[in-house]
Each structure stands twice: as structure tokens, then as C-alpha cells.
Amino acid sequence: MRLNEVVFNDAKPVEGYGPGFFRIGGEVVQGAVITSSSGTRTWGGMDDIAALEDLVAQSDVIFIGTGAQIAHLPVGLRDKLEQAGVGVEAMASPAAARTYNVLLSEGRRVSLAMLPV
């Protein structure tokens, strides 16, 4: 079997998480977080639609981690992002982080917003 080292170009991978925090690219971020090719920052949660709209131009899909369990996104949030032409996928935050890392390693245009577990 041939193994290749994964190289992340612009964005940083999610390296870990725990109660109330995420470790992204070697840095610990407390609370909800957004990460993409433009960097990592805190997020105001599901009501902070403007922060997610900033990701539209740089993303083909935005993964939204809903915390420890999968939950439905608020209808207004999903509709606004889909009308802007970006795919939106909601899943539990651990699954969202893993999926983001896989697609990021493939060089895809993805962004991630997560609520802590």
C-alpha cells in the first residue's frame, strides 16, 4: 500500500475537539467556530447568518456542525445560503469536522461552522 502525506494548502484542518473547544491548525478556539481558506474565527451560532454569508464566495459547500447531536438548521438560515448558490450540509460537529478534513485534503472549496460538543 502506498501512503501519501496530506497537504493542506490555504485552510487548516480540525485536529481535535472537546467540551466547549476545537483545535484547528494547532490553535485552540473556545466556543462556536468558523474555519475556511480565509482563516479561523469565532462564530455567533445559528443566528449569525452574516458570518456564513461571508463564506459563500469561497465555498462550494458549507458544513454546519450542530453540536454533539445532529439537528435541523433553522429554515431561514438554510434558505438564505441555498439561495446564494452554496450547498449546505448539517451534521453533528464531530462528523462535520471529519468530512471537512477529508474534502479539504482533496483540495475542495469547503468551509465549516461548528457549535461545540
PDB file of N, CA and C in Angstrom:
ATOM      1  N   MET A   1       0.848  -1.157   0.000  1.00  0.00           N
ATOM      2  CA  MET A   1       0.000   0.000   0.000  1.00  0.00           C
ATOM      3  C   MET A   1       0.905   1.235   0.000  1.00  0.00           C
ATOM      4  N   ARG A   2       0.532   2.209  -0.791  1.00  0.00           N
ATOM      5  CA  ARG A   2       1.269   3.466  -0.857  1.00  0.00           C
ATOM      6  C   ARG A   2       0.525   4.524  -0.041  1.00  0.00           C
ATOM      7  N   LEU A   3       1.237   5.167   0.857  1.00  0.00           N
ATOM      8  CA  LEU A   3       0.651   6.223   1.675  1.00  0.00           C
ATOM      9  C   LEU A   3       1.221   7.562   1.245  1.00  0.00           C
ATOM     10  N   ASN A   4       0.358   8.542   1.147  1.00  0.00           N
ATOM     11  CA  ASN A   4       0.778   9.895   0.792  1.00  0.00           C
ATOM     12  C   ASN A   4       0.498  10.818   1.959  1.00  0.00           C
ATOM     13  N   GLU A   5       1.431  11.736   2.196  1.00  0.00           N
ATOM     14  CA  GLU A   5       1.211  12.723   3.234  1.00  0.00           C
ATOM     15  C   GLU A   5       0.162  13.719   2.755  1.00  0.00           C
ATOM     16  N   VAL A   6      -0.783  14.049   3.622  1.00  0.00           N
ATOM     17  CA  VAL A   6      -1.824  15.003   3.283  1.00  0.00           C
ATOM     18  C   VAL A   6      -1.271  16.410   3.439  1.00  0.00           C
ATOM     19  N   VAL A   7      -1.463  17.214   2.406  1.00  0.00           N
ATOM     20  CA  VAL A   7      -1.015  18.604   2.442  1.00  0.00           C
ATOM     21  C   VAL A   7      -2.245  19.501   2.382  1.00  0.00           C
ATOM     22  N   PHE A   8      -2.358  20.408   3.345  1.00  0.00           N
ATOM     23  CA  PHE A   8      -3.461  21.357   3.363  1.00  0.00           C
ATOM     24  C   PHE A   8      -2.913  22.693   2.889  1.00  0.00           C
ATOM     25  N   ASN A   9      -3.444  23.231   1.819  1.00  0.00           N
ATOM     26  CA  ASN A   9      -2.915  24.455   1.228  1.00  0.00           C
ATOM     27  C   ASN A   9      -3.290  25.691   2.026  1.00  0.00           C
ATOM     28  N   ASP A  10      -4.469  26.246   1.795  1.00  0.00           N
ATOM     29  CA  ASP A  10      -4.859  27.506   2.418  1.00  0.00           C
ATOM     30  C   ASP A  10      -5.494  27.327   3.795  1.00  0.00           C
ATOM     31  N   ALA A  11      -6.427  26.421   3.894  1.00  0.00           N
ATOM     32  CA  ALA A  11      -7.177  26.242   5.132  1.00  0.00           C
ATOM     33  C   ALA A  11      -6.462  25.268   6.063  1.00  0.00           C
ATOM     34  N   LYS A  12      -6.807  25.330   7.330  1.00  0.00           N
ATOM     35  CA  LYS A  12      -6.208  24.457   8.332  1.00  0.00           C
ATOM     36  C   LYS A  12      -7.209  23.383   8.734  1.00  0.00           C
ATOM     37  N   PRO A  13      -6.742  22.158   8.983  1.00  0.00           N
ATOM     38  CA  PRO A  13      -7.650  21.074   9.364  1.00  0.00           C
ATOM     39  C   PRO A  13      -8.068  21.168  10.833  1.00  0.00           C
ATOM     40  N   VAL A  14      -9.181  20.525  11.131  1.00  0.00           N
ATOM     41  CA  VAL A  14      -9.624  20.375  12.519  1.00  0.00           C
ATOM     42  C   VAL A  14      -8.837  19.200  13.088  1.00  0.00           C
ATOM     43  N   GLU A  15      -8.078  19.455  14.142  1.00  0.00           N
ATOM     44  CA  GLU A  15      -7.213  18.433  14.720  1.00  0.00           C
ATOM     45  C   GLU A  15      -7.807  17.782  15.958  1.00  0.00           C
ATOM     46  N   GLY A  16      -8.795  18.432  16.567  1.00  0.00           N
ATOM     47  CA  GLY A  16      -9.389  17.864  17.759  1.00  0.00           C
ATOM     48  C   GLY A  16     -10.503  18.744  18.286  1.00  0.00           C
ATOM     49  N   TYR A  17     -11.231  18.204  19.256  1.00  0.00           N
ATOM     50  CA  TYR A  17     -12.322  18.947  19.887  1.00  0.00           C
ATOM     51  C   TYR A  17     -12.589  18.325  21.245  1.00  0.00           C
ATOM     52  N   GLY A  18     -13.265  19.075  22.067  1.00  0.00           N
ATOM     53  CA  GLY A  18     -13.656  18.598  23.380  1.00  0.00           C
ATOM     54  C   GLY A  18     -14.776  19.472  23.895  1.00  0.00           C
ATOM     55  N   PRO A  19     -15.124  19.308  25.163  1.00  0.00           N
ATOM     56  CA  PRO A  19     -16.231  20.092  25.714  1.00  0.00           C
ATOM     57  C   PRO A  19     -15.962  21.597  25.612  1.00  0.00           C
ATOM     58  N   GLY A  20     -16.634  22.249  24.672  1.00  0.00           N
ATOM     59  CA  GLY A  20     -16.558  23.693  24.547  1.00  0.00           C
ATOM     60  C   GLY A  20     -15.414  24.249  23.720  1.00  0.00           C
ATOM     61  N   PHE A  21     -14.594  23.396  23.078  1.00  0.00           N
ATOM     62  CA  PHE A  21     -13.478  23.925  22.303  1.00  0.00           C
ATOM     63  C   PHE A  21     -13.186  23.079  21.063  1.00  0.00           C
ATOM     64  N   PHE A  22     -12.423  23.683  20.142  1.00  0.00           N
ATOM     65  CA  PHE A  22     -11.918  22.997  18.951  1.00  0.00           C
ATOM     66  C   PHE A  22     -10.433  23.326  18.818  1.00  0.00           C
ATOM     67  N   ARG A  23      -9.643  22.386  18.292  1.00  0.00           N
ATOM     68  CA  ARG A  23      -8.241  22.652  17.962  1.00  0.00           C
ATOM     69  C   ARG A  23      -8.126  22.628  16.447  1.00  0.00           C
ATOM     70  N   ILE A  24      -7.793  23.766  15.856  1.00  0.00           N
ATOM     71  CA  ILE A  24      -7.739  23.925  14.403  1.00  0.00           C
ATOM     72  C   ILE A  24      -6.372  24.481  14.031  1.00  0.00           C
ATOM     73  N   GLY A  25      -5.636  23.721  13.234  1.00  0.00           N
ATOM     74  CA  GLY A  25      -4.312  24.175  12.806  1.00  0.00           C
ATOM     75  C   GLY A  25      -3.390  24.493  13.962  1.00  0.00           C
ATOM     76  N   GLY A  26      -3.491  23.738  15.049  1.00  0.00           N
ATOM     77  CA  GLY A  26      -2.622  23.926  16.194  1.00  0.00           C
ATOM     78  C   GLY A  26      -3.089  24.954  17.204  1.00  0.00           C
ATOM     79  N   GLU A  27      -4.164  25.652  16.929  1.00  0.00           N
ATOM     80  CA  GLU A  27      -4.678  26.666  17.845  1.00  0.00           C
ATOM     81  C   GLU A  27      -6.001  26.209  18.457  1.00  0.00           C
ATOM     82  N   VAL A  28      -6.177  26.494  19.728  1.00  0.00           N
ATOM     83  CA  VAL A  28      -7.421  26.157  20.420  1.00  0.00           C
ATOM     84  C   VAL A  28      -8.367  27.345  20.330  1.00  0.00           C
ATOM     85  N   VAL A  29      -9.610  27.061  19.932  1.00  0.00           N
ATOM     86  CA  VAL A  29     -10.651  28.083  19.836  1.00  0.00           C
ATOM     87  C   VAL A  29     -11.786  27.654  20.761  1.00  0.00           C
ATOM     88  N   GLN A  30     -12.170  28.531  21.668  1.00  0.00           N
ATOM     89  CA  GLN A  30     -13.263  28.257  22.601  1.00  0.00           C
ATOM     90  C   GLN A  30     -14.601  28.601  21.949  1.00  0.00           C
ATOM     91  N   GLY A  31     -15.593  27.778  22.159  1.00  0.00           N
ATOM     92  CA  GLY A  31     -16.943  28.053  21.679  1.00  0.00           C
ATOM     93  C   GLY A  31     -17.128  27.733  20.211  1.00  0.00           C
ATOM     94  N   ALA A  32     -18.191  28.298  19.641  1.00  0.00           N
ATOM     95  CA  ALA A  32     -18.535  28.051  18.236  1.00  0.00           C
ATOM     96  C   ALA A  32     -17.473  28.676  17.334  1.00  0.00           C
ATOM     97  N   VAL A  33     -17.234  28.044  16.174  1.00  0.00           N
ATOM     98  CA  VAL A  33     -16.119  28.441  15.319  1.00  0.00           C
ATOM     99  C   VAL A  33     -16.489  28.327  13.846  1.00  0.00           C
ATOM    100  N   ILE A  34     -15.859  29.162  13.036  1.00  0.00           N
ATOM    101  CA  ILE A  34     -15.911  29.066  11.578  1.00  0.00           C
ATOM    102  C   ILE A  34     -14.487  28.919  11.095  1.00  0.00           C
ATOM    103  N   THR A  35     -14.268  28.008  10.153  1.00  0.00           N
ATOM    104  CA  THR A  35     -12.948  27.885   9.544  1.00  0.00           C
ATOM    105  C   THR A  35     -13.092  27.645   8.046  1.00  0.00           C
ATOM    106  N   SER A  36     -12.181  28.258   7.294  1.00  0.00           N
ATOM    107  CA  SER A  36     -12.197  28.160   5.838  1.00  0.00           C
ATOM    108  C   SER A  36     -10.829  28.578   5.324  1.00  0.00           C
ATOM    109  N   SER A  37     -10.718  28.728   4.017  1.00  0.00           N
ATOM    110  CA  SER A  37      -9.447  29.156   3.441  1.00  0.00           C
ATOM    111  C   SER A  37      -9.073  30.581   3.846  1.00  0.00           C
ATOM    112  N   SER A  38     -10.040  31.357   4.326  1.00  0.00           N
ATOM    113  CA  SER A  38      -9.747  32.733   4.748  1.00  0.00           C
ATOM    114  C   SER A  38      -9.381  32.827   6.224  1.00  0.00           C
ATOM    115  N   GLY A  39      -9.351  31.704   6.931  1.00  0.00           N
ATOM    116  CA  GLY A  39      -8.938  31.707   8.329  1.00  0.00           C
ATOM    117  C   GLY A  39      -9.965  31.114   9.269  1.00  0.00           C
ATOM    118  N   THR A  40      -9.646  31.186  10.543  1.00  0.00           N
ATOM    119  CA  THR A  40     -10.487  30.637  11.601  1.00  0.00           C
ATOM    120  C   THR A  40     -10.885  31.770  12.537  1.00  0.00           C
ATOM    121  N   ARG A  41     -12.161  31.767  12.927  1.00  0.00           N
ATOM    122  CA  ARG A  41     -12.651  32.805  13.841  1.00  0.00           C
ATOM    123  C   ARG A  41     -13.826  32.261  14.646  1.00  0.00           C
ATOM    124  N   THR A  42     -14.178  32.970  15.688  1.00  0.00           N
ATOM    125  CA  THR A  42     -15.336  32.552  16.477  1.00  0.00           C
ATOM    126  C   THR A  42     -16.610  32.831  15.680  1.00  0.00           C
ATOM    127  N   TRP A  43     -17.665  32.147  16.053  1.00  0.00           N
ATOM    128  CA  TRP A  43     -18.943  32.257  15.355  1.00  0.00           C
ATOM    129  C   TRP A  43     -20.037  32.493  16.384  1.00  0.00           C
ATOM    130  N   GLY A  44     -21.006  33.316  16.040  1.00  0.00           N
ATOM    131  CA  GLY A  44     -22.112  33.639  16.937  1.00  0.00           C
ATOM    132  C   GLY A  44     -23.214  32.597  16.976  1.00  0.00           C
ATOM    133  N   GLY A  45     -23.059  31.482  16.283  1.00  0.00           N
ATOM    134  CA  GLY A  45     -24.065  30.424  16.284  1.00  0.00           C
ATOM    135  C   GLY A  45     -25.083  30.595  15.164  1.00  0.00           C
ATOM    136  N   MET A  46     -26.157  29.853  15.235  1.00  0.00           N
ATOM    137  CA  MET A  46     -27.150  29.788  14.160  1.00  0.00           C
ATOM    138  C   MET A  46     -27.777  31.143  13.821  1.00  0.00           C
ATOM    139  N   ASP A  47     -27.760  32.075  14.749  1.00  0.00           N
ATOM    140  CA  ASP A  47     -28.320  33.403  14.477  1.00  0.00           C
ATOM    141  C   ASP A  47     -27.355  34.300  13.717  1.00  0.00           C
ATOM    142  N   ASP A  48     -26.102  33.894  13.606  1.00  0.00           N
ATOM    143  CA  ASP A  48     -25.067  34.690  12.946  1.00  0.00           C
ATOM    144  C   ASP A  48     -24.990  34.318  11.460  1.00  0.00           C
ATOM    145  N   ILE A  49     -26.053  34.634  10.735  1.00  0.00           N
ATOM    146  CA  ILE A  49     -26.142  34.296   9.309  1.00  0.00           C
ATOM    147  C   ILE A  49     -25.137  35.098   8.494  1.00  0.00           C
ATOM    148  N   ALA A  50     -24.884  36.326   8.873  1.00  0.00           N
ATOM    149  CA  ALA A  50     -23.958  37.183   8.113  1.00  0.00           C
ATOM    150  C   ALA A  50     -22.568  36.559   8.021  1.00  0.00           C
ATOM    151  N   ALA A  51     -22.095  35.945   9.098  1.00  0.00           N
ATOM    152  CA  ALA A  51     -20.773  35.309   9.078  1.00  0.00           C
ATOM    153  C   ALA A  51     -20.734  34.161   8.076  1.00  0.00           C
ATOM    154  N   LEU A  52     -21.831  33.438   7.958  1.00  0.00           N
ATOM    155  CA  LEU A  52     -21.888  32.334   6.996  1.00  0.00           C
ATOM    156  C   LEU A  52     -21.998  32.853   5.566  1.00  0.00           C
ATOM    157  N   GLU A  53     -22.708  33.962   5.389  1.00  0.00           N
ATOM    158  CA  GLU A  53     -22.830  34.546   4.049  1.00  0.00           C
ATOM    159  C   GLU A  53     -21.464  34.984   3.520  1.00  0.00           C
ATOM    160  N   ASP A  54     -20.548  35.355   4.417  1.00  0.00           N
ATOM    161  CA  ASP A  54     -19.194  35.728   4.004  1.00  0.00           C
ATOM    162  C   ASP A  54     -18.443  34.555   3.378  1.00  0.00           C
ATOM    163  N   LEU A  55     -18.877  33.329   3.651  1.00  0.00           N
ATOM    164  CA  LEU A  55     -18.202  32.133   3.139  1.00  0.00           C
ATOM    165  C   LEU A  55     -18.666  31.731   1.747  1.00  0.00           C
ATOM    166  N   VAL A  56     -19.781  32.283   1.290  1.00  0.00           N
ATOM    167  CA  VAL A  56     -20.407  31.854   0.043  1.00  0.00           C
ATOM    168  C   VAL A  56     -19.467  31.960  -1.153  1.00  0.00           C
ATOM    169  N   ALA A  57     -18.753  33.056  -1.287  1.00  0.00           N
ATOM    170  CA  ALA A  57     -17.903  33.272  -2.460  1.00  0.00           C
ATOM    171  C   ALA A  57     -16.720  32.314  -2.520  1.00  0.00           C
ATOM    172  N   GLN A  58     -16.319  31.760  -1.387  1.00  0.00           N
ATOM    173  CA  GLN A  58     -15.144  30.896  -1.369  1.00  0.00           C
ATOM    174  C   GLN A  58     -15.464  29.418  -1.177  1.00  0.00           C
ATOM    175  N   SER A  59     -16.747  29.061  -1.190  1.00  0.00           N
ATOM    176  CA  SER A  59     -17.140  27.693  -0.860  1.00  0.00           C
ATOM    177  C   SER A  59     -18.108  27.104  -1.872  1.00  0.00           C
ATOM    178  N   ASP A  60     -17.932  25.824  -2.138  1.00  0.00           N
ATOM    179  CA  ASP A  60     -18.930  25.078  -2.892  1.00  0.00           C
ATOM    180  C   ASP A  60     -19.941  24.450  -1.938  1.00  0.00           C
ATOM    181  N   VAL A  61     -19.474  24.167  -0.726  1.00  0.00           N
ATOM    182  CA  VAL A  61     -20.350  23.613   0.300  1.00  0.00           C
ATOM    183  C   VAL A  61     -19.877  24.112   1.659  1.00  0.00           C
ATOM    184  N   ILE A  62     -20.849  24.377   2.523  1.00  0.00           N
ATOM    185  CA  ILE A  62     -20.573  24.762   3.906  1.00  0.00           C
ATOM    186  C   ILE A  62     -21.130  23.661   4.793  1.00  0.00           C
ATOM    187  N   PHE A  63     -20.255  23.067   5.603  1.00  0.00           N
ATOM    188  CA  PHE A  63     -20.688  22.077   6.580  1.00  0.00           C
ATOM    189  C   PHE A  63     -20.986  22.797   7.880  1.00  0.00           C
ATOM    190  N   ILE A  64     -22.132  22.483   8.468  1.00  0.00           N
ATOM    191  CA  ILE A  64     -22.525  23.109   9.725  1.00  0.00           C
ATOM    192  C   ILE A  64     -22.661  22.019  10.775  1.00  0.00           C
ATOM    193  N   GLY A  65     -21.771  22.083  11.762  1.00  0.00           N
ATOM    194  CA  GLY A  65     -21.806  21.144  12.876  1.00  0.00           C
ATOM    195  C   GLY A  65     -22.777  21.648  13.928  1.00  0.00           C
ATOM    196  N   THR A  66     -23.733  20.819  14.271  1.00  0.00           N
ATOM    197  CA  THR A  66     -24.822  21.228  15.162  1.00  0.00           C
ATOM    198  C   THR A  66     -24.583  20.839  16.619  1.00  0.00           C
ATOM    199  N   GLY A  67     -23.351  20.532  16.979  1.00  0.00           N
ATOM    200  CA  GLY A  67     -23.042  20.134  18.350  1.00  0.00           C
ATOM    201  C   GLY A  67     -22.870  18.634  18.447  1.00  0.00           C
ATOM    202  N   ALA A  68     -23.148  18.088  19.622  1.00  0.00           N
ATOM    203  CA  ALA A  68     -22.944  16.656  19.853  1.00  0.00           C
ATOM    204  C   ALA A  68     -23.913  15.782  19.049  1.00  0.00           C
ATOM    205  N   GLN A  69     -25.090  16.298  18.759  1.00  0.00           N
ATOM    206  CA  GLN A  69     -26.110  15.543  18.024  1.00  0.00           C
ATOM    207  C   GLN A  69     -26.505  16.290  16.760  1.00  0.00           C
ATOM    208  N   ILE A  70     -26.938  15.565  15.759  1.00  0.00           N
ATOM    209  CA  ILE A  70     -27.429  16.210  14.546  1.00  0.00           C
ATOM    210  C   ILE A  70     -28.753  16.898  14.849  1.00  0.00           C
ATOM    211  N   ALA A  71     -28.949  18.042  14.243  1.00  0.00           N
ATOM    212  CA  ALA A  71     -30.180  18.811  14.431  1.00  0.00           C
ATOM    213  C   ALA A  71     -30.508  19.514  13.124  1.00  0.00           C
ATOM    214  N   HIS A  72     -31.750  19.875  12.955  1.00  0.00           N
ATOM    215  CA  HIS A  72     -32.154  20.616  11.768  1.00  0.00           C
ATOM    216  C   HIS A  72     -31.670  22.051  11.856  1.00  0.00           C
ATOM    217  N   LEU A  73     -31.314  22.597  10.716  1.00  0.00           N
ATOM    218  CA  LEU A  73     -30.936  24.008  10.656  1.00  0.00           C
ATOM    219  C   LEU A  73     -32.195  24.865  10.642  1.00  0.00           C
ATOM    220  N   PRO A  74     -32.121  26.069  11.175  1.00  0.00           N
ATOM    221  CA  PRO A  74     -33.256  26.976  11.039  1.00  0.00           C
ATOM    222  C   PRO A  74     -33.566  27.184   9.552  1.00  0.00           C
ATOM    223  N   VAL A  75     -34.829  27.177   9.204  1.00  0.00           N
ATOM    224  CA  VAL A  75     -35.243  27.269   7.802  1.00  0.00           C
ATOM    225  C   VAL A  75     -34.684  28.517   7.128  1.00  0.00           C
ATOM    226  N   GLY A  76     -34.726  29.644   7.817  1.00  0.00           N
ATOM    227  CA  GLY A  76     -34.223  30.886   7.241  1.00  0.00           C
ATOM    228  C   GLY A  76     -32.744  30.813   6.905  1.00  0.00           C
ATOM    229  N   LEU A  77     -31.971  30.167   7.746  1.00  0.00           N
ATOM    230  CA  LEU A  77     -30.535  30.014   7.512  1.00  0.00           C
ATOM    231  C   LEU A  77     -30.278  29.164   6.279  1.00  0.00           C
ATOM    232  N   ARG A  78     -30.903  27.990   6.225  1.00  0.00           N
ATOM    233  CA  ARG A  78     -30.713  27.097   5.075  1.00  0.00           C
ATOM    234  C   ARG A  78     -31.157  27.773   3.780  1.00  0.00           C
ATOM    235  N   ASP A  79     -32.335  28.389   3.792  1.00  0.00           N
ATOM    236  CA  ASP A  79     -32.859  29.034   2.583  1.00  0.00           C
ATOM    237  C   ASP A  79     -31.941  30.146   2.093  1.00  0.00           C
ATOM    238  N   LYS A  80     -31.460  30.968   3.011  1.00  0.00           N
ATOM    239  CA  LYS A  80     -30.603  32.093   2.633  1.00  0.00           C
ATOM    240  C   LYS A  80     -29.316  31.612   1.963  1.00  0.00           C
ATOM    241  N   LEU A  81     -28.697  30.581   2.516  1.00  0.00           N
ATOM    242  CA  LEU A  81     -27.450  30.067   1.948  1.00  0.00           C
ATOM    243  C   LEU A  81     -27.685  29.362   0.613  1.00  0.00           C
ATOM    244  N   GLU A  82     -28.741  28.578   0.537  1.00  0.00           N
ATOM    245  CA  GLU A  82     -29.032  27.882  -0.716  1.00  0.00           C
ATOM    246  C   GLU A  82     -29.409  28.864  -1.822  1.00  0.00           C
ATOM    247  N   GLN A  83     -30.111  29.922  -1.500  1.00  0.00           N
ATOM    248  CA  GLN A  83     -30.444  30.943  -2.500  1.00  0.00           C
ATOM    249  C   GLN A  83     -29.196  31.657  -2.997  1.00  0.00           C
ATOM    250  N   ALA A  84     -28.161  31.700  -2.161  1.00  0.00           N
ATOM    251  CA  ALA A  84     -26.893  32.319  -2.557  1.00  0.00           C
ATOM    252  C   ALA A  84     -26.070  31.380  -3.449  1.00  0.00           C
ATOM    253  N   GLY A  85     -26.536  30.140  -3.595  1.00  0.00           N
ATOM    254  CA  GLY A  85     -25.888  29.208  -4.515  1.00  0.00           C
ATOM    255  C   GLY A  85     -24.831  28.305  -3.912  1.00  0.00           C
ATOM    256  N   VAL A  86     -24.853  28.124  -2.613  1.00  0.00           N
ATOM    257  CA  VAL A  86     -23.877  27.247  -1.962  1.00  0.00           C
ATOM    258  C   VAL A  86     -24.606  26.064  -1.338  1.00  0.00           C
ATOM    259  N   GLY A  87     -23.972  24.902  -1.368  1.00  0.00           N
ATOM    260  CA  GLY A  87     -24.530  23.725  -0.712  1.00  0.00           C
ATOM    261  C   GLY A  87     -24.377  23.848   0.790  1.00  0.00           C
ATOM    262  N   VAL A  88     -25.345  23.348   1.525  1.00  0.00           N
ATOM    263  CA  VAL A  88     -25.318  23.394   2.986  1.00  0.00           C
ATOM    264  C   VAL A  88     -25.605  21.995   3.504  1.00  0.00           C
ATOM    265  N   GLU A  89     -24.733  21.495   4.370  1.00  0.00           N
ATOM    266  CA  GLU A  89     -24.917  20.173   4.967  1.00  0.00           C
ATOM    267  C   GLU A  89     -24.817  20.285   6.471  1.00  0.00           C
ATOM    268  N   ALA A  90     -25.862  19.877   7.174  1.00  0.00           N
ATOM    269  CA  ALA A  90     -25.865  19.882   8.636  1.00  0.00           C
ATOM    270  C   ALA A  90     -25.596  18.476   9.145  1.00  0.00           C
ATOM    271  N   MET A  91     -24.742  18.390  10.147  1.00  0.00           N
ATOM    272  CA  MET A  91     -24.454  17.112  10.791  1.00  0.00           C
ATOM    273  C   MET A  91     -23.883  17.397  12.172  1.00  0.00           C
ATOM    274  N   ALA A  92     -23.751  16.379  12.986  1.00  0.00           N
ATOM    275  CA  ALA A  92     -23.133  16.563  14.296  1.00  0.00           C
ATOM    276  C   ALA A  92     -21.723  17.119  14.087  1.00  0.00           C
ATOM    277  N   SER A  93     -21.248  17.929  15.005  1.00  0.00           N
ATOM    278  CA  SER A  93     -19.950  18.589  14.838  1.00  0.00           C
ATOM    279  C   SER A  93     -18.783  17.622  14.612  1.00  0.00           C
ATOM    280  N   PRO A  94     -18.694  16.475  15.331  1.00  0.00           N
ATOM    281  CA  PRO A  94     -17.590  15.550  15.039  1.00  0.00           C
ATOM    282  C   PRO A  94     -17.614  15.045  13.590  1.00  0.00           C
ATOM    283  N   ALA A  95     -18.776  14.710  13.079  1.00  0.00           N
ATOM    284  CA  ALA A  95     -18.897  14.249  11.693  1.00  0.00           C
ATOM    285  C   ALA A  95     -18.594  15.370  10.709  1.00  0.00           C
ATOM    286  N   ALA A  96     -19.035  16.584  11.017  1.00  0.00           N
ATOM    287  CA  ALA A  96     -18.773  17.731  10.150  1.00  0.00           C
ATOM    288  C   ALA A  96     -17.269  17.997  10.064  1.00  0.00           C
ATOM    289  N   ALA A  97     -16.566  17.900  11.187  1.00  0.00           N
ATOM    290  CA  ALA A  97     -15.118  18.123  11.202  1.00  0.00           C
ATOM    291  C   ALA A  97     -14.393  17.067  10.363  1.00  0.00           C
ATOM    292  N   ARG A  98     -14.789  15.811  10.495  1.00  0.00           N
ATOM    293  CA  ARG A  98     -14.146  14.740   9.710  1.00  0.00           C
ATOM    294  C   ARG A  98     -14.398  14.917   8.224  1.00  0.00           C
ATOM    295  N   THR A  99     -15.632  15.229   7.864  1.00  0.00           N
ATOM    296  CA  THR A  99     -15.982  15.409   6.453  1.00  0.00           C
ATOM    297  C   THR A  99     -15.246  16.601   5.862  1.00  0.00           C
ATOM    298  N   TYR A 100     -15.189  17.682   6.606  1.00  0.00           N
ATOM    299  CA  TYR A 100     -14.456  18.878   6.188  1.00  0.00           C
ATOM    300  C   TYR A 100     -12.983  18.533   5.920  1.00  0.00           C
ATOM    301  N   ASN A 101     -12.359  17.813   6.848  1.00  0.00           N
ATOM    302  CA  ASN A 101     -10.950  17.469   6.687  1.00  0.00           C
ATOM    303  C   ASN A 101     -10.696  16.621   5.444  1.00  0.00           C
ATOM    304  N   VAL A 102     -11.575  15.669   5.177  1.00  0.00           N
ATOM    305  CA  VAL A 102     -11.403  14.811   4.000  1.00  0.00           C
ATOM    306  C   VAL A 102     -11.500  15.641   2.725  1.00  0.00           C
ATOM    307  N   LEU A 103     -12.538  16.455   2.603  1.00  0.00           N
ATOM    308  CA  LEU A 103     -12.696  17.255   1.390  1.00  0.00           C
ATOM    309  C   LEU A 103     -11.616  18.323   1.272  1.00  0.00           C
ATOM    310  N   LEU A 104     -11.189  18.864   2.391  1.00  0.00           N
ATOM    311  CA  LEU A 104     -10.102  19.839   2.387  1.00  0.00           C
ATOM    312  C   LEU A 104      -8.816  19.190   1.869  1.00  0.00           C
ATOM    313  N   SER A 105      -8.546  17.966   2.286  1.00  0.00           N
ATOM    314  CA  SER A 105      -7.336  17.274   1.835  1.00  0.00           C
ATOM    315  C   SER A 105      -7.370  16.976   0.343  1.00  0.00           C
ATOM    316  N   GLU A 106      -8.556  16.948  -0.235  1.00  0.00           N
ATOM    317  CA  GLU A 106      -8.706  16.735  -1.682  1.00  0.00           C
ATOM    318  C   GLU A 106      -8.627  18.046  -2.456  1.00  0.00           C
ATOM    319  N   GLY A 107      -8.438  19.156  -1.758  1.00  0.00           N
ATOM    320  CA  GLY A 107      -8.331  20.453  -2.414  1.00  0.00           C
ATOM    321  C   GLY A 107      -9.662  21.079  -2.767  1.00  0.00           C
ATOM    322  N   ARG A 108     -10.739  20.606  -2.157  1.00  0.00           N
ATOM    323  CA  ARG A 108     -12.077  21.135  -2.455  1.00  0.00           C
ATOM    324  C   ARG A 108     -12.299  22.475  -1.761  1.00  0.00           C
ATOM    325  N   ARG A 109     -13.233  23.252  -2.302  1.00  0.00           N
ATOM    326  CA  ARG A 109     -13.597  24.566  -1.738  1.00  0.00           C
ATOM    327  C   ARG A 109     -14.694  24.363  -0.695  1.00  0.00           C
ATOM    328  N   VAL A 110     -14.290  24.135   0.553  1.00  0.00           N
ATOM    329  CA  VAL A 110     -15.234  23.859   1.625  1.00  0.00           C
ATOM    330  C   VAL A 110     -14.993  24.809   2.793  1.00  0.00           C
ATOM    331  N   SER A 111     -16.049  25.023   3.556  1.00  0.00           N
ATOM    332  CA  SER A 111     -15.985  25.816   4.778  1.00  0.00           C
ATOM    333  C   SER A 111     -16.728  25.059   5.858  1.00  0.00           C
ATOM    334  N   LEU A 112     -16.467  25.433   7.104  1.00  0.00           N
ATOM    335  CA  LEU A 112     -17.033  24.717   8.224  1.00  0.00           C
ATOM    336  C   LEU A 112     -17.429  25.695   9.329  1.00  0.00           C
ATOM    337  N   ALA A 113     -18.629  25.529   9.839  1.00  0.00           N
ATOM    338  CA  ALA A 113     -19.103  26.267  11.014  1.00  0.00           C
ATOM    339  C   ALA A 113     -19.578  25.227  12.017  1.00  0.00           C
ATOM    340  N   MET A 114     -19.116  25.324  13.264  1.00  0.00           N
ATOM    341  CA  MET A 114     -19.461  24.288  14.244  1.00  0.00           C
ATOM    342  C   MET A 114     -19.840  24.877  15.591  1.00  0.00           C
ATOM    343  N   LEU A 115     -20.852  24.277  16.175  1.00  0.00           N
ATOM    344  CA  LEU A 115     -21.189  24.519  17.570  1.00  0.00           C
ATOM    345  C   LEU A 115     -20.407  23.492  18.390  1.00  0.00           C
ATOM    346  N   PRO A 116     -19.956  23.852  19.583  1.00  0.00           N
ATOM    347  CA  PRO A 116     -19.169  22.905  20.377  1.00  0.00           C
ATOM    348  C   PRO A 116     -19.995  21.734  20.869  1.00  0.00           C
ATOM    349  N   VAL A 117     -19.286  20.653  21.192  1.00  0.00           N
ATOM    350  CA  VAL A 117     -19.937  19.460  21.740  1.00  0.00           C
ATOM    351  C   VAL A 117     -20.032  19.587  23.235  1.00  0.00           C
TER     352      VAL A 117
END
